[in-house]
Each structure stands twice: as C-alpha cells, then as structure tokens.
Amino acid sequence: MMILLIAIIGLAIDVGFVYVNYARLRRGVDGAAVNAANQFKENYTITDLKKAAREFLVLNDVPGAAATVETCDSNPAVFKPGDCPDLVADPTALKRKLVYVEATMPVDLFFLSVIGISSTTVRASSTSEAASVDVILAIDTSDSMAWEGDGIPGQQNGPLEDPSICNADNSGDTTPGECHPFEEIKVAALAFADQLYFPYDRVGIVTFDTNPNTTNNGAPSEPSTPVLELSNTFANVQGALRGLNIYQGNPCPPPDNGDGSFSNYNMIGRCRAYDSTSKYIGGYCPIQKYNIVHGIPASIDESWCNNTNIGGGLQIGGNTFSTATPVRNEALWVMILLTDGIPNFGYGTNGTPFCPEAYIRVSPQCQDNTPSVRHTLAGSPTLYDVDDYARDMADNLVNQDVIIFAIGLGADTALPAADSLLHYIAEDAAAAINKPKGIYYPGATASQLQQIFQAIANNIATRIAH
C-alpha cells in the first residue's frame, strides 16, 4: 500500500509540474504573439517577427522553447478559414495583421522516471492580432503655424513668418516649405506613417483653417472634403503630407480711407498685412477694421477672419471614416488632432457659422470662455459657440468608436479655453460613455513632436484574437 501511495503521490506531483510548466509556456506564448504583432510595420520581415517572439519567450523564463511563428503572408493555412482572405480575389477584404505562435518545451519528470518516463513535451499556441488601423490626421494649418519665424523659438516677425514666403521656400530638404513649427509637424507625421503597415493600415489627412471663397453674398465656405481620403498606399500619404501648406490668403490692399481702413471691405476673410517697408506684420481682417473705425457693431461676417476651426476639422475627419471605400468597421479608428491655438471659428460642412455675434470681438473669439457651460444648437442657437461645436463633434466621433489623440502645440494651448477643450476631445468625451479614450498631450514643443507621435503609435494596442 505504501508503494502504491507513493506512486500516486509521485504521479500527482509530476502531472502538476507538467501543468505548471504548460501554464508558464502558455503565458509566454500569448505574450510572444502580442510582442510579435507589435512588430508589424512598413517593410517588416517574418524574421523580425520570429526574433521578437523568441526574445519574449526567453525574457519570460521559458527555457528551451522551440517556437514557430507564422503570418497570413507566410502560411495562411495555420489560421482559421476566412481569417486570411484572398486579397487578389477580394481587394476590399479587411487586411488582418495576424501572428500565429506555437512553442514546445521539454519538461523533466521526477517520479515517473523510475518507470522509464524521464520527460515529456508541452505545446501551446496563440494567435495575436494587431488591429488594422484607419488613421485620420487632423492638422491645424492656420497662419499661426509659422510663429517660430526662421526656426528660432520665440522669433518675432522673421521673414519666414510670412506664410507666402515660408510655404514657397524649400531649402533643399525632403520636406517642402520652411514654415516653423509646421515643417516639424510634417516630419513627425511622416515618421509616424512610416511605422504603419501598408496596405493593411490606411491614413487620411484633414486640415482646418479658414479658406474663404467669396460668393456673391459674401459668404465663404470651408472645404468639406479631406486633403487625402483614407489611403493604403504610403507613397500617397507621403506625397500629401509633404505638399501641405499653411493658410496664407491674399495680400491686403493698401488702406484707402485715410483712417487705416479699407473701402473695399467686401474682401471678406483674412489677408496678409505689411507695413510701409513691406515687412510682414501678420494676418489682418479688413471688414473688422472698417466696422470698428466706422462704429458698426460686430457682424457675423467678421468671424470669417478667424482661422482655427477645430470643430470643422473633427467633423470632416469623422465623415471621412464613414464614407471611406470600403468602410472598415472592423478596423481600429484613430484620429490624431494637432492644433496650436484656441478655436476661434466654426462652421459645419453645411456652411452654418457657429460664432455668436456677442463674442466676435472678445478674447478668445467666438466663444463665451466658460467651458463648463454647454449649449446645444437646437436649444440655444444664439449662444451656441465654437467650443460647443467642437465638443459636439468630439461626441460624434467617440460614438463611432473613434479613439482621439490630441496634441496641443505651443503656449496658447495651455490657456484654459484650449486646454479644457483638448482634454475633453481626447479623454473626457470617451470616458463619459465608457468608450476607449485617447491621450491629450498639452504644451508640446516642436522638438517633442516625433516623440509624441511615437508614443501614439505605441498606444495603438494589439489584442489576442483567440
């Protein structure tokens, strides 16, 4: 009986030891699959993924494990039927970033070795999926994006603060334009896009500023289409980013009323002003100057001179997700919003302005500067301001399961009206309805942009598929 009891105890110990090692192998394989999936990027190789998986097994103290790593590109047969669609037969199929990891590990036995069974092999497998990503870059292209002048932080009125000069300047680098910090934005966005895995991932580009196109009744309209629809071709994304310019408008005509104002005040919109020596002195609003000089109350036409339409950028970006060809509901939808200022203008794709006349000549313009007070367009149309509009557009995005990352560039975004809004867009709107939230990066400098975009890339998470 004692011999039988010892045998039963020995068997239980050996089996328990096998299960302990299997559990350790299983955890290691799950982690290795996730780690390998994180390596999906432009020009990845299967060798890169295998190395990442095996390194993770070693780091998790899984000794002697032999790992097999496969993807849809290397061996689609290891996945479930339909997991790796034939992209030639169906170009609109969701292109999935799947990694299959299988590992085996020998386990030494103790008591069973007495009867000649000295070891066994445990096996575990896991499939990880890095989400195919649709990313919209919503970039502020207002003329203030040349505020660093000749590339020197704090530089005032340098020649390259003139958008018409810095947009056209190409000093021989690979990114046309020498508007700063706008050039650093383009460089960081290009580096971010280069980490994605085309054609599995797609990138679209939306810009927002004021682009007045004067009609017969003087009402300008913001473009309602993105600079680039969601594209799965890196060359298209690269070309679109390199070709971005900041808003420059037209040069202002010389004042002709003897009081510094313009008789041609129907030139609605923001123009470039120069002093008597032809030195650029900033953006200017002819109709506002005329109205102030002649004692005319603020009118909605004056609001067209502002050019930070954050709500418009969010709205156009949201439309781009839902009108893409094809719409990929299974993909991870991400928006990266980058702005250097407070929203001071807003009108939707239907041309409706959201700037209460009472707030046109105050600072910050076009809003009540009370972020805690929220108005609705239906309930309080005369009080509905650009802050309300931008928050509503953020709500629409998170209801579509869009994860928003917001980057506040420069000191102005630390002001309460901007800081509260950007925090809401990236985090609070999603948290209020228990949706996945993004991250708000406040007070960023141009030199930090690549690091921030890298952090965003790292936060686009992977998941265990099955």
Protein backbone atom coordinates (compact mmCIF):
# COMPACT_ATOMS: atom_id res chain seq x y z
CA MET A 1 0.00 0.00 0.00
CA MET A 2 2.86 2.34 0.81
CA ILE A 3 4.40 1.73 -2.62
CA LEU A 4 1.05 2.40 -4.31
CA LEU A 5 0.52 5.56 -2.27
CA ILE A 6 3.99 6.85 -3.14
CA ALA A 7 3.33 6.12 -6.83
CA ILE A 8 0.04 8.04 -6.75
CA ILE A 9 1.67 10.99 -5.00
CA GLY A 10 4.56 10.90 -7.45
CA LEU A 11 2.21 10.85 -10.42
CA ALA A 12 0.27 13.78 -8.99
CA ILE A 13 3.48 15.76 -8.45
CA ASP A 14 4.73 15.05 -11.97
CA VAL A 15 1.39 15.92 -13.57
CA GLY A 16 1.18 19.11 -11.50
CA PHE A 17 4.70 20.02 -12.55
CA VAL A 18 3.73 19.49 -16.20
CA TYR A 19 0.71 21.78 -15.82
CA VAL A 20 2.78 24.46 -14.09
CA ASN A 21 5.21 24.44 -16.99
CA TYR A 22 2.37 24.41 -19.52
CA ALA A 23 0.82 27.46 -17.85
CA ARG A 24 4.18 29.23 -17.95
CA LEU A 25 4.60 28.32 -21.62
CA ARG A 26 1.05 29.45 -22.40
CA ARG A 27 1.61 32.86 -20.79
CA GLY A 28 4.90 33.19 -22.63
CA VAL A 29 3.34 32.25 -25.97
CA ASP A 30 0.46 34.71 -25.51
CA GLY A 31 2.93 37.46 -24.70
CA ALA A 32 5.22 36.43 -27.56
CA ALA A 33 2.32 36.59 -30.01
CA VAL A 34 1.41 40.10 -28.85
CA ASN A 35 5.04 41.17 -28.94
CA ALA A 36 5.45 39.81 -32.45
CA ALA A 37 2.26 41.51 -33.65
CA ASN A 38 3.65 44.81 -32.38
CA GLN A 39 6.42 44.49 -34.94
CA PHE A 40 4.06 44.89 -37.89
CA LYS A 41 5.32 47.95 -39.71
CA GLU A 42 6.42 49.08 -43.11
CA ASN A 43 8.91 46.63 -44.62
CA TYR A 44 8.62 44.11 -41.77
CA THR A 45 10.00 40.64 -42.37
CA ILE A 46 8.90 37.30 -40.95
CA THR A 47 12.40 37.09 -39.47
CA ASP A 48 11.66 40.24 -37.42
CA LEU A 49 8.51 38.67 -36.00
CA LYS A 50 10.19 35.36 -35.17
CA LYS A 51 13.01 37.17 -33.40
CA ALA A 52 10.54 39.26 -31.37
CA ALA A 53 8.56 36.18 -30.33
CA ARG A 54 11.61 34.15 -29.30
CA GLU A 55 13.12 37.05 -27.37
CA PHE A 56 9.89 37.39 -25.40
CA LEU A 57 9.90 33.68 -24.54
CA VAL A 58 13.45 33.98 -23.23
CA LEU A 59 12.64 37.11 -21.24
CA ASN A 60 9.72 35.27 -19.64
CA ASP A 61 11.99 32.44 -18.50
CA VAL A 62 10.67 29.75 -20.83
CA PRO A 63 13.84 27.72 -21.27
CA GLY A 64 14.49 25.52 -24.25
CA ALA A 65 11.29 26.51 -26.04
CA ALA A 66 11.22 25.96 -29.79
CA ALA A 67 8.91 28.50 -31.47
CA THR A 68 7.15 28.59 -34.82
CA VAL A 69 5.91 31.99 -36.00
CA GLU A 70 3.61 32.45 -39.00
CA THR A 71 1.55 35.24 -40.58
CA CYS A 72 -1.05 35.38 -43.32
CA ASP A 73 1.76 36.24 -45.70
CA SER A 74 3.99 33.31 -44.70
CA ASN A 75 1.50 30.49 -44.05
CA PRO A 76 -2.25 31.27 -44.13
CA ALA A 77 -3.10 27.58 -43.61
CA VAL A 78 -2.38 27.76 -39.85
CA PHE A 79 -5.27 30.19 -39.31
CA LYS A 80 -8.99 29.54 -39.27
CA PRO A 81 -10.78 29.50 -42.65
CA GLY A 82 -11.57 33.07 -43.68
CA ASP A 83 -9.01 34.65 -41.36
CA CYS A 84 -6.65 35.37 -44.24
CA PRO A 85 -8.83 36.50 -47.16
CA ASP A 86 -7.56 36.32 -50.71
CA LEU A 87 -6.79 39.97 -51.31
CA VAL A 88 -6.48 39.42 -55.05
CA ALA A 89 -9.96 37.93 -55.29
CA ASP A 90 -11.44 40.46 -52.84
CA PRO A 91 -9.46 43.74 -52.66
CA THR A 92 -12.00 45.23 -50.22
CA ALA A 93 -11.50 42.50 -47.60
CA LEU A 94 -10.17 43.54 -44.22
CA LYS A 95 -6.43 43.05 -44.32
CA ARG A 96 -5.63 41.47 -40.97
CA LYS A 97 -2.31 41.60 -39.14
CA LEU A 98 -2.38 38.12 -37.61
CA VAL A 99 0.56 36.34 -35.97
CA TYR A 100 0.44 32.67 -35.00
CA VAL A 101 2.96 31.50 -32.43
CA GLU A 102 3.40 27.87 -31.45
CA ALA A 103 6.02 26.73 -28.98
CA THR A 104 7.06 23.42 -27.48
CA MET A 105 9.10 22.88 -24.33
CA PRO A 106 10.55 19.71 -22.77
CA VAL A 107 9.61 19.08 -19.13
CA ASP A 108 11.67 16.76 -16.95
CA LEU A 109 9.75 14.31 -14.79
CA PHE A 110 10.74 13.05 -11.35
CA PHE A 111 8.90 10.03 -10.05
CA LEU A 112 7.81 8.70 -13.44
CA SER A 113 11.46 8.40 -14.43
CA VAL A 114 11.53 5.36 -12.14
CA ILE A 115 9.44 3.51 -14.71
CA GLY A 116 11.39 4.90 -17.67
CA ILE A 117 9.41 8.08 -18.46
CA SER A 118 12.03 10.75 -17.86
CA SER A 119 10.46 13.68 -19.74
CA THR A 120 7.51 14.92 -21.79
CA THR A 121 6.83 17.82 -24.15
CA VAL A 122 4.22 20.51 -23.65
CA ARG A 123 2.85 22.54 -26.52
CA ALA A 124 0.97 25.87 -26.60
CA SER A 125 -0.19 28.14 -29.39
CA SER A 126 -1.72 31.59 -29.64
CA THR A 127 -2.90 33.94 -32.36
CA SER A 128 -2.46 37.65 -31.83
CA GLU A 129 -3.88 40.39 -33.97
CA ALA A 130 -2.55 43.86 -34.28
CA ALA A 131 -5.60 45.84 -35.28
CA SER A 132 -5.67 47.11 -38.83
CA VAL A 133 -5.78 50.84 -38.34
CA ASP A 134 -7.58 53.66 -40.12
CA VAL A 135 -5.93 56.90 -39.01
CA ILE A 136 -7.08 60.44 -39.76
CA LEU A 137 -4.50 63.17 -39.21
CA ALA A 138 -6.43 66.39 -38.48
CA ILE A 139 -3.85 69.16 -38.71
CA ASP A 140 -4.23 72.85 -37.95
CA THR A 141 -2.96 74.82 -40.97
CA SER A 142 -3.75 78.32 -39.71
CA ASP A 143 -1.20 81.03 -40.46
CA SER A 144 -0.02 80.98 -36.85
CA MET A 145 1.82 77.75 -37.73
CA ALA A 146 4.70 79.98 -38.84
CA TRP A 147 5.12 81.56 -35.39
CA GLU A 148 8.67 80.31 -34.91
CA GLY A 149 9.85 82.58 -37.68
CA ASP A 150 13.16 81.45 -39.04
CA GLY A 151 13.10 78.31 -36.95
CA ILE A 152 14.16 80.15 -33.79
CA PRO A 153 11.66 79.65 -30.93
CA GLY A 154 10.24 82.99 -29.87
CA GLN A 155 11.44 84.75 -33.02
CA GLN A 156 9.11 87.58 -33.93
CA ASN A 157 8.47 88.92 -37.41
CA GLY A 158 11.24 86.98 -39.09
CA PRO A 159 10.91 86.74 -42.89
CA LEU A 160 9.74 83.15 -42.64
CA GLU A 161 6.76 84.15 -40.50
CA ASP A 162 5.20 85.33 -43.76
CA PRO A 163 3.21 82.28 -44.94
CA SER A 164 3.61 83.23 -48.59
CA ILE A 165 7.40 83.08 -48.17
CA CYS A 166 7.79 80.04 -45.95
CA ASN A 167 5.27 77.97 -47.94
CA ALA A 168 7.28 78.55 -51.10
CA ASP A 169 10.71 78.09 -49.54
CA ASN A 170 12.42 74.75 -49.98
CA SER A 171 15.92 74.82 -48.59
CA GLY A 172 16.92 71.56 -50.18
CA ASP A 173 15.49 69.11 -47.65
CA THR A 174 12.93 66.44 -48.48
CA THR A 175 10.03 68.32 -46.91
CA PRO A 176 8.99 71.35 -48.98
CA GLY A 177 8.28 74.54 -47.07
CA GLU A 178 10.13 76.26 -44.27
CA CYS A 179 7.25 77.33 -42.02
CA HIS A 180 8.09 76.51 -38.44
CA PRO A 181 6.81 74.67 -36.45
CA PHE A 182 4.69 73.41 -39.36
CA GLU A 183 7.63 71.70 -41.02
CA GLU A 184 8.36 69.78 -37.80
CA ILE A 185 4.71 68.66 -37.80
CA LYS A 186 5.06 67.24 -41.30
CA VAL A 187 8.34 65.49 -40.46
CA ALA A 188 6.84 63.90 -37.31
CA ALA A 189 3.68 62.83 -39.17
CA LEU A 190 5.79 61.28 -41.94
CA ALA A 191 7.81 59.31 -39.37
CA PHE A 192 4.56 58.13 -37.77
CA ALA A 193 3.10 56.99 -41.09
CA ASP A 194 6.33 55.17 -41.91
CA GLN A 195 5.76 52.88 -38.89
CA LEU A 196 2.37 51.71 -40.12
CA TYR A 197 1.89 48.61 -42.21
CA PHE A 198 0.55 49.40 -45.66
CA PRO A 199 -1.71 48.18 -47.26
CA TYR A 200 -3.15 46.73 -44.04
CA ASP A 201 -3.34 50.23 -42.49
CA ARG A 202 -4.77 53.37 -44.04
CA VAL A 203 -4.14 57.07 -43.43
CA GLY A 204 -6.27 60.08 -44.35
CA ILE A 205 -5.44 63.77 -43.92
CA VAL A 206 -7.74 66.63 -42.95
CA THR A 207 -6.64 70.23 -42.49
CA PHE A 208 -8.55 73.07 -40.92
CA ASP A 209 -8.16 76.84 -41.10
CA THR A 210 -10.24 79.45 -42.91
CA ASN A 211 -10.39 79.17 -46.65
CA PRO A 212 -12.72 81.97 -47.69
CA ASN A 213 -14.16 81.67 -51.16
CA THR A 214 -16.17 84.86 -51.55
CA THR A 215 -19.52 84.35 -53.24
CA ASN A 216 -21.97 86.97 -54.44
CA ASN A 217 -23.45 87.31 -50.98
CA GLY A 218 -20.06 87.41 -49.31
CA ALA A 219 -20.38 84.05 -47.53
CA PRO A 220 -17.23 81.92 -47.63
CA SER A 221 -17.25 78.16 -47.25
CA GLU A 222 -14.83 75.70 -45.72
CA PRO A 223 -13.82 72.73 -47.88
CA SER A 224 -15.90 69.73 -46.81
CA THR A 225 -13.56 67.11 -48.23
CA PRO A 226 -10.26 65.86 -46.80
CA VAL A 227 -6.88 66.59 -48.32
CA LEU A 228 -6.45 62.84 -48.63
CA GLU A 229 -9.14 60.18 -48.35
CA LEU A 230 -8.11 57.10 -46.38
CA SER A 231 -5.31 55.57 -48.43
CA ASN A 232 -3.49 52.26 -48.01
CA THR A 233 -0.53 53.45 -50.10
CA PHE A 234 2.37 55.02 -48.25
CA ALA A 235 3.50 56.97 -51.32
CA ASN A 236 0.12 58.75 -51.44
CA VAL A 237 0.30 59.62 -47.75
CA GLN A 238 3.88 60.78 -48.07
CA GLY A 239 3.08 62.99 -51.05
CA ALA A 240 0.05 64.56 -49.37
CA LEU A 241 1.94 65.35 -46.15
CA ARG A 242 4.89 66.85 -47.99
CA GLY A 243 2.56 69.01 -50.04
CA LEU A 244 0.74 70.60 -47.09
CA ASN A 245 0.94 74.38 -46.70
CA ILE A 246 -0.36 76.73 -44.05
CA TYR A 247 -3.08 79.24 -44.83
CA GLN A 248 -1.70 82.37 -46.46
CA GLY A 249 -4.68 84.15 -48.00
CA ASN A 250 -4.23 87.16 -50.25
CA PRO A 251 -2.12 90.24 -49.56
CA CYS A 252 -4.18 93.04 -48.04
CA PRO A 253 -4.75 96.06 -50.30
CA PRO A 254 -3.32 99.40 -49.10
CA PRO A 255 -5.69 101.28 -46.77
CA ASP A 256 -7.58 103.84 -48.83
CA ASN A 257 -9.86 105.64 -46.39
CA GLY A 258 -7.29 107.82 -44.66
CA ASP A 259 -8.12 106.17 -41.34
CA GLY A 260 -6.35 102.88 -41.80
CA SER A 261 -9.46 101.10 -43.04
CA PHE A 262 -10.49 99.82 -46.42
CA SER A 263 -13.31 100.94 -48.60
CA ASN A 264 -13.15 97.51 -50.20
CA TYR A 265 -14.34 95.86 -47.01
CA ASN A 266 -16.25 93.26 -49.04
CA MET A 267 -12.88 91.50 -49.29
CA ILE A 268 -14.10 89.16 -46.57
CA GLY A 269 -11.60 86.91 -44.91
CA ARG A 270 -8.14 87.02 -43.51
CA CYS A 271 -5.41 88.68 -45.57
CA ARG A 272 -1.68 89.28 -45.13
CA ALA A 273 -0.78 92.73 -43.82
CA TYR A 274 2.55 94.53 -44.43
CA ASP A 275 3.92 97.80 -43.07
CA SER A 276 5.23 100.71 -45.12
CA THR A 277 8.57 98.93 -45.57
CA SER A 278 6.84 95.78 -46.91
CA LYS A 279 7.60 93.92 -43.69
CA TYR A 280 5.02 91.25 -42.86
CA ILE A 281 3.12 92.13 -39.69
CA GLY A 282 0.53 89.36 -39.52
CA GLY A 283 -2.94 88.32 -40.50
CA TYR A 284 -5.50 91.09 -40.85
CA CYS A 285 -9.27 91.44 -41.18
CA PRO A 286 -10.37 94.34 -43.45
CA ILE A 287 -14.06 94.19 -42.65
CA GLN A 288 -13.46 94.19 -38.89
CA LYS A 289 -11.18 97.21 -39.17
CA TYR A 290 -13.75 99.03 -41.27
CA ASN A 291 -16.58 98.24 -38.88
CA ILE A 292 -14.61 99.33 -35.81
CA VAL A 293 -13.44 102.61 -37.38
CA HIS A 294 -16.94 103.46 -38.55
CA GLY A 295 -18.71 102.41 -35.36
CA ILE A 296 -20.52 99.49 -36.90
CA PRO A 297 -21.48 96.73 -34.44
CA ALA A 298 -19.84 93.36 -34.77
CA SER A 299 -21.34 91.26 -37.52
CA ILE A 300 -21.10 87.58 -38.32
CA ASP A 301 -19.03 88.50 -41.38
CA GLU A 302 -16.16 89.44 -39.08
CA SER A 303 -15.92 85.89 -37.80
CA TRP A 304 -14.76 84.70 -41.22
CA CYS A 305 -11.42 86.35 -40.44
CA ASN A 306 -10.58 83.79 -37.76
CA ASN A 307 -8.95 80.55 -38.80
CA THR A 308 -8.78 77.88 -36.12
CA ASN A 309 -11.83 75.77 -36.86
CA ILE A 310 -11.22 72.71 -34.65
CA GLY A 311 -14.85 71.62 -34.81
CA GLY A 312 -14.75 71.68 -38.61
CA GLY A 313 -11.62 69.52 -38.64
CA LEU A 314 -13.28 66.96 -36.36
CA GLN A 315 -16.45 66.93 -38.43
CA ILE A 316 -14.69 66.41 -41.76
CA GLY A 317 -12.46 63.75 -40.19
CA GLY A 318 -15.46 61.87 -38.83
CA ASN A 319 -17.16 61.97 -42.22
CA THR A 320 -14.01 60.53 -43.79
CA PHE A 321 -14.19 57.37 -41.65
CA SER A 322 -17.81 56.70 -42.54
CA THR A 323 -17.57 57.45 -46.27
CA ALA A 324 -14.33 55.58 -47.00
CA THR A 325 -14.18 52.96 -49.74
CA PRO A 326 -14.56 50.49 -48.20
CA VAL A 327 -15.80 51.40 -44.73
CA ARG A 328 -13.85 49.11 -42.39
CA ASN A 329 -15.89 48.81 -39.21
CA GLU A 330 -13.59 46.01 -38.03
CA ALA A 331 -10.52 48.26 -38.10
CA LEU A 332 -9.35 50.45 -35.24
CA TRP A 333 -10.42 54.04 -36.00
CA VAL A 334 -7.97 56.64 -34.72
CA MET A 335 -7.86 60.40 -35.10
CA ILE A 336 -4.81 62.49 -34.25
CA LEU A 337 -5.75 66.14 -33.78
CA LEU A 338 -2.95 68.70 -33.74
CA THR A 339 -3.51 72.39 -33.13
CA ASP A 340 -1.57 75.35 -31.81
CA GLY A 341 -4.43 77.50 -30.63
CA ILE A 342 -7.86 78.12 -29.21
CA PRO A 343 -10.81 77.50 -31.51
CA ASN A 344 -11.94 80.92 -32.73
CA PHE A 345 -14.11 79.98 -35.64
CA GLY A 346 -16.55 77.28 -36.56
CA TYR A 347 -18.88 76.34 -39.30
CA GLY A 348 -20.01 72.97 -40.44
CA THR A 349 -19.94 71.34 -43.82
CA ASN A 350 -23.35 72.89 -44.49
CA GLY A 351 -21.85 76.40 -44.24
CA THR A 352 -23.60 77.29 -40.96
CA PRO A 353 -21.41 79.59 -38.81
CA PHE A 354 -21.22 78.97 -35.06
CA CYS A 355 -19.92 82.32 -33.83
CA PRO A 356 -22.34 84.28 -31.64
CA GLU A 357 -22.10 87.96 -32.59
CA ALA A 358 -21.71 88.90 -28.91
CA TYR A 359 -18.39 87.04 -28.83
CA ILE A 360 -16.81 88.22 -32.11
CA ARG A 361 -14.67 91.00 -30.62
CA VAL A 362 -13.81 89.35 -27.33
CA SER A 363 -10.88 87.10 -26.44
CA PRO A 364 -11.00 84.21 -27.07
CA GLN A 365 -13.18 85.00 -30.03
CA CYS A 366 -16.44 83.27 -30.91
CA GLN A 367 -16.90 81.62 -27.52
CA ASP A 368 -18.16 82.50 -24.07
CA ASN A 369 -14.88 81.37 -22.42
CA THR A 370 -16.88 79.21 -19.99
CA PRO A 371 -16.05 75.58 -20.82
CA SER A 372 -18.29 74.32 -18.01
CA VAL A 373 -21.36 75.79 -19.75
CA ARG A 374 -22.56 73.72 -22.69
CA HIS A 375 -25.17 74.94 -25.16
CA THR A 376 -26.99 72.99 -27.84
CA LEU A 377 -27.62 74.23 -31.35
CA ALA A 378 -31.28 73.29 -31.12
CA GLY A 379 -31.87 74.71 -27.64
CA SER A 380 -29.73 77.88 -27.66
CA PRO A 381 -28.82 78.75 -31.26
CA THR A 382 -27.77 82.32 -30.42
CA LEU A 383 -25.38 81.11 -27.67
CA TYR A 384 -24.03 78.01 -29.42
CA ASP A 385 -20.34 78.78 -29.88
CA VAL A 386 -17.20 77.22 -31.35
CA ASP A 387 -16.36 75.40 -28.12
CA ASP A 388 -19.82 73.80 -28.05
CA TYR A 389 -19.47 72.88 -31.72
CA ALA A 390 -16.06 71.22 -31.24
CA ARG A 391 -17.30 69.26 -28.21
CA ASP A 392 -20.33 68.05 -30.15
CA MET A 393 -18.09 66.86 -32.98
CA ALA A 394 -15.89 65.02 -30.46
CA ASP A 395 -19.01 63.33 -29.03
CA ASN A 396 -19.98 62.20 -32.53
CA LEU A 397 -16.53 60.68 -33.05
CA VAL A 398 -16.42 58.69 -29.82
CA ASN A 399 -19.93 57.43 -30.53
CA GLN A 400 -18.42 55.99 -33.73
CA ASP A 401 -15.77 54.28 -31.54
CA VAL A 402 -13.04 56.62 -32.78
CA ILE A 403 -10.07 56.92 -30.41
CA ILE A 404 -8.83 60.51 -30.43
CA PHE A 405 -5.34 61.69 -29.55
CA ALA A 406 -4.94 65.46 -29.18
CA ILE A 407 -1.65 67.36 -29.36
CA GLY A 408 -1.62 70.94 -28.08
CA LEU A 409 1.35 72.69 -29.67
CA GLY A 410 2.73 75.81 -28.04
CA ALA A 411 1.86 78.03 -25.11
CA ASP A 412 -1.60 79.11 -26.31
CA THR A 413 -2.96 75.60 -25.88
CA ALA A 414 -2.20 75.83 -22.15
CA LEU A 415 -4.81 78.60 -21.80
CA PRO A 416 -7.95 77.34 -20.02
CA ALA A 417 -10.26 77.55 -23.04
CA ALA A 418 -7.94 75.46 -25.21
CA ASP A 419 -6.67 73.10 -22.51
CA SER A 420 -10.17 72.20 -21.31
CA LEU A 421 -11.43 71.57 -24.85
CA LEU A 422 -8.49 69.44 -25.98
CA HIS A 423 -8.64 67.38 -22.79
CA TYR A 424 -12.34 66.82 -23.42
CA ILE A 425 -11.80 65.82 -27.04
CA ALA A 426 -9.11 63.23 -26.28
CA GLU A 427 -10.23 61.82 -22.95
CA ASP A 428 -13.35 63.17 -21.24
CA ALA A 429 -15.82 62.64 -24.10
CA ALA A 430 -14.96 58.94 -24.30
CA ALA A 431 -14.75 58.45 -20.53
CA ALA A 432 -18.26 59.87 -20.09
CA ILE A 433 -19.78 56.99 -22.07
CA ASN A 434 -17.23 54.28 -21.17
CA LYS A 435 -15.58 54.22 -24.60
CA PRO A 436 -11.85 53.69 -25.20
CA LYS A 437 -10.15 57.03 -24.77
CA GLY A 438 -7.04 58.52 -26.25
CA ILE A 439 -4.42 60.78 -24.68
CA TYR A 440 -4.05 64.55 -24.59
CA TYR A 441 -0.50 65.91 -24.91
CA PRO A 442 -0.53 69.53 -23.64
CA GLY A 443 2.02 72.27 -24.22
CA ALA A 444 4.11 70.33 -26.73
CA THR A 445 7.13 71.88 -28.40
CA ALA A 446 8.21 71.28 -31.98
CA SER A 447 11.17 69.23 -30.80
CA GLN A 448 8.85 66.86 -28.88
CA LEU A 449 6.57 66.03 -31.79
CA GLN A 450 8.36 62.92 -33.04
CA GLN A 451 8.46 61.52 -29.50
CA ILE A 452 4.73 62.18 -29.09
CA PHE A 453 3.84 60.57 -32.41
CA GLN A 454 5.95 57.58 -31.40
CA ALA A 455 4.04 57.34 -28.11
CA ILE A 456 0.76 57.42 -30.03
CA ALA A 457 1.98 54.64 -32.33
CA ASN A 458 2.84 52.57 -29.25
CA ASN A 459 -0.64 53.16 -27.82
CA ILE A 460 -2.40 51.68 -30.82
CA ALA A 461 -2.88 48.42 -28.99
CA THR A 462 -2.85 44.78 -30.08
CA ARG A 463 -5.20 42.10 -28.81
CA ILE A 464 -5.32 38.32 -28.53
CA ALA A 465 -7.73 37.15 -31.21
CA HIS A 466 -8.25 33.57 -29.98
